[in-house]
Amino acid sequence: GWYRQAPGRHRELVAAIIRGGTTNHADSVKDRFTISRD
C-alpha cells in the first residue's frame, strides 16, 4: 500500500491492497485514487 506525509503532518494511510485484490482507500481519496497490484 501507500502512506503519505505532508510537511508538518503525521504520516497517513492512503490505500492498501492484499494479495487477493481486496482494497481499502482512505475517505479523503475515495473516488479519486485507485490502488491495484500485479
All heavy atoms as atom14 arrays in JSON, in Angstrom:
{
  "sequence": "GWYRQAPGRHRELVAAIIRGGTTNHADSVKDRFTISRD",
  "atom14_mask": [
    [1, 1, 1, 1, 0, 0, 0, 0, 0, 0, 0, 0, 0, 0],
    [1, 1, 1, 1, 1, 1, 1, 1, 1, 1, 1, 1, 1, 1],
    [1, 1, 1, 1, 1, 1, 1, 1, 1, 1, 1, 1, 0, 0],
    [1, 1, 1, 1, 1, 1, 1, 1, 1, 1, 1, 0, 0, 0],
    [1, 1, 1, 1, 1, 1, 1, 1, 1, 0, 0, 0, 0, 0],
    [1, 1, 1, 1, 1, 0, 0, 0, 0, 0, 0, 0, 0, 0],
    [1, 1, 1, 1, 1, 1, 1, 0, 0, 0, 0, 0, 0, 0],
    [1, 1, 1, 1, 0, 0, 0, 0, 0, 0, 0, 0, 0, 0],
    [1, 1, 1, 1, 1, 1, 1, 1, 1, 1, 1, 0, 0, 0],
    [1, 1, 1, 1, 1, 1, 1, 1, 1, 1, 0, 0, 0, 0],
    [1, 1, 1, 1, 1, 1, 1, 1, 1, 1, 1, 0, 0, 0],
    [1, 1, 1, 1, 1, 1, 1, 1, 1, 0, 0, 0, 0, 0],
    [1, 1, 1, 1, 1, 1, 1, 1, 0, 0, 0, 0, 0, 0],
    [1, 1, 1, 1, 1, 1, 1, 0, 0, 0, 0, 0, 0, 0],
    [1, 1, 1, 1, 1, 0, 0, 0, 0, 0, 0, 0, 0, 0],
    [1, 1, 1, 1, 1, 0, 0, 0, 0, 0, 0, 0, 0, 0],
    [1, 1, 1, 1, 1, 1, 1, 1, 0, 0, 0, 0, 0, 0],
    [1, 1, 1, 1, 1, 1, 1, 1, 0, 0, 0, 0, 0, 0],
    [1, 1, 1, 1, 1, 1, 1, 1, 1, 1, 1, 0, 0, 0],
    [1, 1, 1, 1, 0, 0, 0, 0, 0, 0, 0, 0, 0, 0],
    [1, 1, 1, 1, 0, 0, 0, 0, 0, 0, 0, 0, 0, 0],
    [1, 1, 1, 1, 1, 1, 1, 0, 0, 0, 0, 0, 0, 0],
    [1, 1, 1, 1, 1, 1, 1, 0, 0, 0, 0, 0, 0, 0],
    [1, 1, 1, 1, 1, 1, 1, 1, 0, 0, 0, 0, 0, 0],
    [1, 1, 1, 1, 1, 1, 1, 1, 1, 1, 0, 0, 0, 0],
    [1, 1, 1, 1, 1, 0, 0, 0, 0, 0, 0, 0, 0, 0],
    [1, 1, 1, 1, 1, 1, 1, 1, 0, 0, 0, 0, 0, 0],
    [1, 1, 1, 1, 1, 1, 0, 0, 0, 0, 0, 0, 0, 0],
    [1, 1, 1, 1, 1, 1, 1, 0, 0, 0, 0, 0, 0, 0],
    [1, 1, 1, 1, 1, 1, 1, 1, 1, 0, 0, 0, 0, 0],
    [1, 1, 1, 1, 1, 1, 1, 1, 0, 0, 0, 0, 0, 0],
    [1, 1, 1, 1, 1, 1, 1, 1, 1, 1, 1, 0, 0, 0],
    [1, 1, 1, 1, 1, 1, 1, 1, 1, 1, 1, 0, 0, 0],
    [1, 1, 1, 1, 1, 1, 1, 0, 0, 0, 0, 0, 0, 0],
    [1, 1, 1, 1, 1, 1, 1, 1, 0, 0, 0, 0, 0, 0],
    [1, 1, 1, 1, 1, 1, 0, 0, 0, 0, 0, 0, 0, 0],
    [1, 1, 1, 1, 1, 1, 1, 1, 1, 1, 1, 0, 0, 0],
    [1, 1, 1, 1, 1, 1, 1, 1, 0, 0, 0, 0, 0, 0]
  ],
  "atom14_positions": [
    [[0.8, -1.21, 0.0], [0.0, 0.0, 0.0], [0.83, 1.24, 0.0], [2.05, 1.21, -0.23], [0.0, 0.0, 0.0], [0.0, 0.0, 0.0], [0.0, 0.0, 0.0], [0.0, 0.0, 0.0], [0.0, 0.0, 0.0], [0.0, 0.0, 0.0], [0.0, 0.0, 0.0], [0.0, 0.0, 0.0], [0.0, 0.0, 0.0], [0.0, 0.0, 0.0]],
    [[0.14, 2.36, 0.26], [0.76, 3.67, 0.22], [0.36, 4.5, 1.45], [-0.83, 4.53, 1.81], [0.33, 4.42, -1.04], [0.73, 3.75, -2.3], [0.03, 2.81, -3.0], [1.95, 3.96, -3.03], [0.73, 2.43, -4.11], [1.91, 3.1, -4.16], [3.06, 4.78, -2.85], [2.94, 3.05, -5.09], [4.09, 4.73, -3.77], [4.03, 3.87, -4.88]],
    [[1.34, 5.15, 2.04], [1.13, 6.2, 3.01], [1.6, 7.5, 2.37], [2.31, 7.49, 1.38], [1.97, 5.96, 4.27], [1.37, 5.03, 5.29], [1.35, 3.65, 5.1], [0.86, 5.54, 6.49], [0.82, 2.81, 6.05], [0.33, 4.68, 7.46], [0.31, 3.33, 7.22], [-0.21, 2.49, 8.18], [0.0, 0.0, 0.0], [0.0, 0.0, 0.0]],
    [[1.2, 8.59, 2.96], [1.75, 9.88, 2.55], [1.98, 10.76, 3.77], [1.33, 10.6, 4.81], [0.82, 10.59, 1.56], [-0.51, 11.05, 2.13], [-1.38, 11.63, 1.02], [-2.68, 12.1, 1.52], [-3.66, 12.54, 0.75], [-3.51, 12.59, -0.58], [-4.8, 12.93, 1.28], [0.0, 0.0, 0.0], [0.0, 0.0, 0.0], [0.0, 0.0, 0.0]],
    [[2.92, 11.69, 3.62], [3.23, 12.62, 4.71], [3.46, 14.0, 4.12], [4.39, 14.2, 3.34], [4.45, 12.17, 5.5], [4.71, 13.01, 6.73], [5.71, 12.36, 7.66], [6.48, 11.48, 7.28], [5.7, 12.79, 8.91], [0.0, 0.0, 0.0], [0.0, 0.0, 0.0], [0.0, 0.0, 0.0], [0.0, 0.0, 0.0], [0.0, 0.0, 0.0]],
    [[2.6, 14.92, 4.52], [2.75, 16.32, 4.12], [3.58, 17.05, 5.17], [3.64, 16.6, 6.33], [1.38, 16.96, 3.98], [0.0, 0.0, 0.0], [0.0, 0.0, 0.0], [0.0, 0.0, 0.0], [0.0, 0.0, 0.0], [0.0, 0.0, 0.0], [0.0, 0.0, 0.0], [0.0, 0.0, 0.0], [0.0, 0.0, 0.0], [0.0, 0.0, 0.0]],
    [[4.2, 18.17, 4.81], [5.01, 18.91, 5.78], [4.21, 19.28, 7.03], [3.09, 19.78, 6.93], [5.42, 20.17, 4.99], [5.4, 19.74, 3.57], [4.26, 18.76, 3.47], [0.0, 0.0, 0.0], [0.0, 0.0, 0.0], [0.0, 0.0, 0.0], [0.0, 0.0, 0.0], [0.0, 0.0, 0.0], [0.0, 0.0, 0.0], [0.0, 0.0, 0.0]],
    [[4.77, 18.97, 8.18], [4.13, 19.31, 9.43], [2.98, 18.42, 9.83], [2.28, 18.7, 10.81], [0.0, 0.0, 0.0], [0.0, 0.0, 0.0], [0.0, 0.0, 0.0], [0.0, 0.0, 0.0], [0.0, 0.0, 0.0], [0.0, 0.0, 0.0], [0.0, 0.0, 0.0], [0.0, 0.0, 0.0], [0.0, 0.0, 0.0], [0.0, 0.0, 0.0]],
    [[2.78, 17.33, 9.1], [1.65, 16.43, 9.4], [2.16, 15.01, 9.62], [3.28, 14.66, 9.23], [0.64, 16.46, 8.25], [0.1, 17.85, 7.97], [-1.08, 17.81, 7.06], [-2.22, 17.16, 7.69], [-3.42, 17.08, 7.13], [-3.62, 17.59, 5.92], [-4.42, 16.49, 7.73], [0.0, 0.0, 0.0], [0.0, 0.0, 0.0], [0.0, 0.0, 0.0]],
    [[1.31, 14.23, 10.29], [1.65, 12.82, 10.5], [1.51, 12.04, 9.2], [0.76, 12.43, 8.3], [0.7, 12.22, 11.55], [0.87, 12.81, 12.92], [2.03, 12.67, 13.65], [0.02, 13.53, 13.68], [1.89, 13.29, 14.8], [0.68, 13.83, 14.85], [0.0, 0.0, 0.0], [0.0, 0.0, 0.0], [0.0, 0.0, 0.0], [0.0, 0.0, 0.0]],
    [[2.24, 10.94, 9.15], [2.1, 10.04, 8.02], [0.72, 9.39, 8.09], [0.32, 8.91, 9.15], [3.21, 8.99, 8.04], [3.37, 8.21, 6.77], [4.6, 7.31, 6.82], [5.85, 8.07, 6.83], [7.04, 7.52, 6.63], [7.14, 6.21, 6.39], [8.13, 8.26, 6.67], [0.0, 0.0, 0.0], [0.0, 0.0, 0.0], [0.0, 0.0, 0.0]],
    [[0.01, 9.36, 6.96], [-1.34, 8.79, 6.94], [-1.47, 7.74, 5.85], [-0.84, 7.84, 4.79], [-2.4, 9.89, 6.7], [-2.29, 10.61, 5.38], [-3.44, 11.56, 5.12], [-4.4, 11.59, 5.9], [-3.39, 12.28, 4.09], [0.0, 0.0, 0.0], [0.0, 0.0, 0.0], [0.0, 0.0, 0.0], [0.0, 0.0, 0.0], [0.0, 0.0, 0.0]],
    [[-2.3, 6.74, 6.13], [-2.55, 5.69, 5.16], [-3.43, 6.22, 4.04], [-4.47, 6.83, 4.29], [-3.24, 4.5, 5.84], [-3.6, 3.32, 4.94], [-2.35, 2.66, 4.38], [-4.45, 2.31, 5.7], [0.0, 0.0, 0.0], [0.0, 0.0, 0.0], [0.0, 0.0, 0.0], [0.0, 0.0, 0.0], [0.0, 0.0, 0.0], [0.0, 0.0, 0.0]],
    [[-3.01, 5.96, 2.81], [-3.77, 6.38, 1.64], [-4.61, 5.23, 1.11], [-5.81, 5.37, 0.88], [-2.84, 6.91, 0.53], [-3.65, 7.28, -0.71], [-2.03, 8.1, 1.03], [0.0, 0.0, 0.0], [0.0, 0.0, 0.0], [0.0, 0.0, 0.0], [0.0, 0.0, 0.0], [0.0, 0.0, 0.0], [0.0, 0.0, 0.0], [0.0, 0.0, 0.0]],
    [[-3.95, 4.1, 0.88], [-4.66, 2.95, 0.33], [-3.82, 1.7, 0.54], [-2.59, 1.79, 0.67], [-4.95, 3.13, -1.16], [0.0, 0.0, 0.0], [0.0, 0.0, 0.0], [0.0, 0.0, 0.0], [0.0, 0.0, 0.0], [0.0, 0.0, 0.0], [0.0, 0.0, 0.0], [0.0, 0.0, 0.0], [0.0, 0.0, 0.0], [0.0, 0.0, 0.0]],
    [[-4.49, 0.55, 0.58], [-3.81, -0.72, 0.75], [-4.54, -1.78, -0.04], [-5.73, -1.65, -0.34], [-3.74, -1.11, 2.22], [0.0, 0.0, 0.0], [0.0, 0.0, 0.0], [0.0, 0.0, 0.0], [0.0, 0.0, 0.0], [0.0, 0.0, 0.0], [0.0, 0.0, 0.0], [0.0, 0.0, 0.0], [0.0, 0.0, 0.0], [0.0, 0.0, 0.0]],
    [[-3.8, -2.85, -0.37], [-4.39, -3.95, -1.14], [-3.72, -5.25, -0.71], [-2.5, -5.3, -0.51], [-4.21, -3.69, -2.66], [-4.9, -4.78, -3.49], [-2.74, -3.54, -3.03], [-4.99, -4.43, -4.98], [0.0, 0.0, 0.0], [0.0, 0.0, 0.0], [0.0, 0.0, 0.0], [0.0, 0.0, 0.0], [0.0, 0.0, 0.0], [0.0, 0.0, 0.0]],
    [[-4.52, -6.28, -0.52], [-3.95, -7.57, -0.17], [-3.78, -8.42, -1.42], [-4.26, -8.06, -2.5], [-4.8, -8.3, 0.89], [-6.22, -8.56, 0.36], [-4.81, -7.52, 2.19], [-7.06, -9.41, 1.32], [0.0, 0.0, 0.0], [0.0, 0.0, 0.0], [0.0, 0.0, 0.0], [0.0, 0.0, 0.0], [0.0, 0.0, 0.0], [0.0, 0.0, 0.0]],
    [[-3.12, -9.53, -1.27], [-2.74, -10.33, -2.43], [-3.94, -10.75, -3.26], [-3.85, -10.78, -4.5], [-1.94, -11.56, -1.98], [-1.33, -12.35, -3.13], [-0.46, -13.45, -2.59], [0.77, -12.93, -2.0], [1.38, -13.47, -0.96], [0.86, -14.54, -0.38], [2.49, -12.96, -0.5], [0.0, 0.0, 0.0], [0.0, 0.0, 0.0], [0.0, 0.0, 0.0]],
    [[-5.07, -11.02, -2.63], [-6.26, -11.46, -3.37], [-6.96, -10.35, -4.12], [-7.85, -10.62, -4.93], [0.0, 0.0, 0.0], [0.0, 0.0, 0.0], [0.0, 0.0, 0.0], [0.0, 0.0, 0.0], [0.0, 0.0, 0.0], [0.0, 0.0, 0.0], [0.0, 0.0, 0.0], [0.0, 0.0, 0.0], [0.0, 0.0, 0.0], [0.0, 0.0, 0.0]],
    [[-6.57, -9.08, -3.86], [-7.12, -7.97, -4.61], [-8.08, -7.08, -3.84], [-8.48, -6.03, -4.36], [0.0, 0.0, 0.0], [0.0, 0.0, 0.0], [0.0, 0.0, 0.0], [0.0, 0.0, 0.0], [0.0, 0.0, 0.0], [0.0, 0.0, 0.0], [0.0, 0.0, 0.0], [0.0, 0.0, 0.0], [0.0, 0.0, 0.0], [0.0, 0.0, 0.0]],
    [[-8.45, -7.45, -2.63], [-9.32, -6.59, -1.83], [-8.56, -5.32, -1.47], [-7.39, -5.37, -1.1], [-9.78, -7.3, -0.57], [-10.43, -8.52, -0.93], [-10.75, -6.43, 0.23], [0.0, 0.0, 0.0], [0.0, 0.0, 0.0], [0.0, 0.0, 0.0], [0.0, 0.0, 0.0], [0.0, 0.0, 0.0], [0.0, 0.0, 0.0], [0.0, 0.0, 0.0]],
    [[-9.26, -4.19, -1.57], [-8.62, -2.9, -1.36], [-9.27, -2.12, -0.23], [-10.39, -2.39, 0.19], [-8.67, -2.04, -2.63], [-10.06, -1.75, -2.94], [-8.05, -2.75, -3.81], [0.0, 0.0, 0.0], [0.0, 0.0, 0.0], [0.0, 0.0, 0.0], [0.0, 0.0, 0.0], [0.0, 0.0, 0.0], [0.0, 0.0, 0.0], [0.0, 0.0, 0.0]],
    [[-8.52, -1.12, 0.23], [-9.01, -0.2, 1.24], [-8.45, 1.18, 0.89], [-7.24, 1.3, 0.67], [-8.55, -0.62, 2.63], [-9.0, 0.35, 3.7], [-10.11, 0.86, 3.65], [-8.15, 0.6, 4.68], [0.0, 0.0, 0.0], [0.0, 0.0, 0.0], [0.0, 0.0, 0.0], [0.0, 0.0, 0.0], [0.0, 0.0, 0.0], [0.0, 0.0, 0.0]],
    [[-9.32, 2.18, 0.8], [-8.89, 3.54, 0.47], [-9.33, 4.5, 1.57], [-10.43, 4.38, 2.11], [-9.51, 4.01, -0.85], [-9.06, 3.25, -2.05], [-9.58, 2.01, -2.37], [-8.13, 3.54, -2.99], [-8.99, 1.59, -3.48], [-8.11, 2.48, -3.89], [0.0, 0.0, 0.0], [0.0, 0.0, 0.0], [0.0, 0.0, 0.0], [0.0, 0.0, 0.0]],
    [[-8.49, 5.47, 1.88], [-8.86, 6.49, 2.84], [-10.04, 7.31, 2.3], [-10.16, 7.5, 1.09], [-7.67, 7.42, 3.1], [0.0, 0.0, 0.0], [0.0, 0.0, 0.0], [0.0, 0.0, 0.0], [0.0, 0.0, 0.0], [0.0, 0.0, 0.0], [0.0, 0.0, 0.0], [0.0, 0.0, 0.0], [0.0, 0.0, 0.0], [0.0, 0.0, 0.0]],
    [[-10.87, 7.79, 3.2], [-12.04, 8.58, 2.78], [-11.63, 9.79, 1.95], [-12.35, 10.2, 1.03], [-12.84, 9.03, 4.0], [-13.58, 7.89, 4.66], [-13.77, 6.84, 4.01], [-13.98, 8.05, 5.83], [0.0, 0.0, 0.0], [0.0, 0.0, 0.0], [0.0, 0.0, 0.0], [0.0, 0.0, 0.0], [0.0, 0.0, 0.0], [0.0, 0.0, 0.0]],
    [[-10.49, 10.37, 2.26], [-10.05, 11.59, 1.58], [-9.69, 11.37, 0.12], [-9.6, 12.34, -0.64], [-8.86, 12.2, 2.31], [-7.79, 11.27, 2.36], [0.0, 0.0, 0.0], [0.0, 0.0, 0.0], [0.0, 0.0, 0.0], [0.0, 0.0, 0.0], [0.0, 0.0, 0.0], [0.0, 0.0, 0.0], [0.0, 0.0, 0.0], [0.0, 0.0, 0.0]],
    [[-9.49, 10.12, -0.28], [-9.09, 9.84, -1.67], [-10.06, 8.93, -2.41], [-9.87, 8.68, -3.6], [-7.67, 9.24, -1.74], [-6.67, 10.15, -1.03], [-7.63, 7.84, -1.17], [0.0, 0.0, 0.0], [0.0, 0.0, 0.0], [0.0, 0.0, 0.0], [0.0, 0.0, 0.0], [0.0, 0.0, 0.0], [0.0, 0.0, 0.0], [0.0, 0.0, 0.0]],
    [[-11.08, 8.45, -1.7], [-12.05, 7.58, -2.37], [-12.65, 8.31, -3.57], [-12.94, 9.49, -3.51], [-13.15, 7.18, -1.38], [-12.77, 6.02, -0.51], [-13.9, 5.64, 0.44], [-13.48, 4.48, 1.32], [-14.52, 4.14, 2.33], [0.0, 0.0, 0.0], [0.0, 0.0, 0.0], [0.0, 0.0, 0.0], [0.0, 0.0, 0.0], [0.0, 0.0, 0.0]],
    [[-12.89, 7.59, -4.65], [-13.47, 8.12, -5.89], [-12.47, 8.94, -6.69], [-12.81, 9.41, -7.78], [-14.72, 8.96, -5.64], [-15.81, 8.19, -4.92], [-15.97, 6.98, -5.21], [-16.49, 8.79, -4.07], [0.0, 0.0, 0.0], [0.0, 0.0, 0.0], [0.0, 0.0, 0.0], [0.0, 0.0, 0.0], [0.0, 0.0, 0.0], [0.0, 0.0, 0.0]],
    [[-11.25, 9.12, -6.15], [-10.22, 9.83, -6.92], [-8.98, 8.98, -7.14], [-8.36, 9.05, -8.21], [-9.81, 11.13, -6.21], [-10.94, 12.12, -6.03], [-10.41, 13.47, -5.52], [-9.75, 13.35, -4.23], [-8.46, 13.69, -4.03], [-7.71, 14.13, -5.03], [-7.94, 13.57, -2.82], [0.0, 0.0, 0.0], [0.0, 0.0, 0.0], [0.0, 0.0, 0.0]],
    [[-8.59, 8.2, -6.13], [-7.4, 7.36, -6.21], [-7.83, 5.9, -6.29], [-8.82, 5.5, -5.66], [-6.53, 7.53, -4.98], [-5.85, 8.86, -4.85], [-6.17, 9.94, -5.66], [-4.88, 9.05, -3.87], [-5.55, 11.17, -5.52], [-4.24, 10.26, -3.71], [-4.58, 11.33, -4.53], [0.0, 0.0, 0.0], [0.0, 0.0, 0.0], [0.0, 0.0, 0.0]],
    [[-7.04, 5.1, -7.01], [-7.3, 3.67, -7.1], [-6.0, 2.91, -6.95], [-5.04, 3.16, -7.68], [-7.94, 3.3, -8.45], [-9.16, 4.05, -8.62], [-8.26, 1.81, -8.51], [0.0, 0.0, 0.0], [0.0, 0.0, 0.0], [0.0, 0.0, 0.0], [0.0, 0.0, 0.0], [0.0, 0.0, 0.0], [0.0, 0.0, 0.0], [0.0, 0.0, 0.0]],
    [[-5.99, 1.96, -6.01], [-4.82, 1.11, -5.81], [-5.05, -0.2, -6.55], [-6.18, -0.7, -6.61], [-4.54, 0.88, -4.32], [-3.18, 0.22, -4.12], [-5.65, 0.07, -3.66], [-2.71, 0.17, -2.66], [0.0, 0.0, 0.0], [0.0, 0.0, 0.0], [0.0, 0.0, 0.0], [0.0, 0.0, 0.0], [0.0, 0.0, 0.0], [0.0, 0.0, 0.0]],
    [[-3.97, -0.73, -7.11], [-4.04, -2.02, -7.78], [-2.68, -2.7, -7.65], [-1.71, -2.05, -7.23], [-4.42, -1.86, -9.26], [-3.45, -1.08, -9.95], [0.0, 0.0, 0.0], [0.0, 0.0, 0.0], [0.0, 0.0, 0.0], [0.0, 0.0, 0.0], [0.0, 0.0, 0.0], [0.0, 0.0, 0.0], [0.0, 0.0, 0.0], [0.0, 0.0, 0.0]],
    [[-2.61, -3.98, -8.0], [-1.33, -4.67, -7.92], [-1.23, -5.72, -9.0], [-2.24, -6.24, -9.48], [-1.12, -5.26, -6.53], [-2.06, -6.38, -6.16], [-1.87, -6.78, -4.69], [-0.62, -7.5, -4.47], [-0.12, -7.76, -3.25], [-0.77, -7.37, -2.17], [1.01, -8.44, -3.12], [0.0, 0.0, 0.0], [0.0, 0.0, 0.0], [0.0, 0.0, 0.0]],
    [[0.01, -6.03, -9.34], [0.32, -7.11, -10.27], [1.18, -8.1, -9.48], [2.37, -7.85, -9.26], [1.07, -6.56, -11.49], [1.35, -7.61, -12.54], [1.45, -8.8, -12.19], [1.51, -7.25, -13.71], [0.0, 0.0, 0.0], [0.0, 0.0, 0.0], [0.0, 0.0, 0.0], [0.0, 0.0, 0.0], [0.0, 0.0, 0.0], [0.0, 0.0, 0.0]]
  ]
}
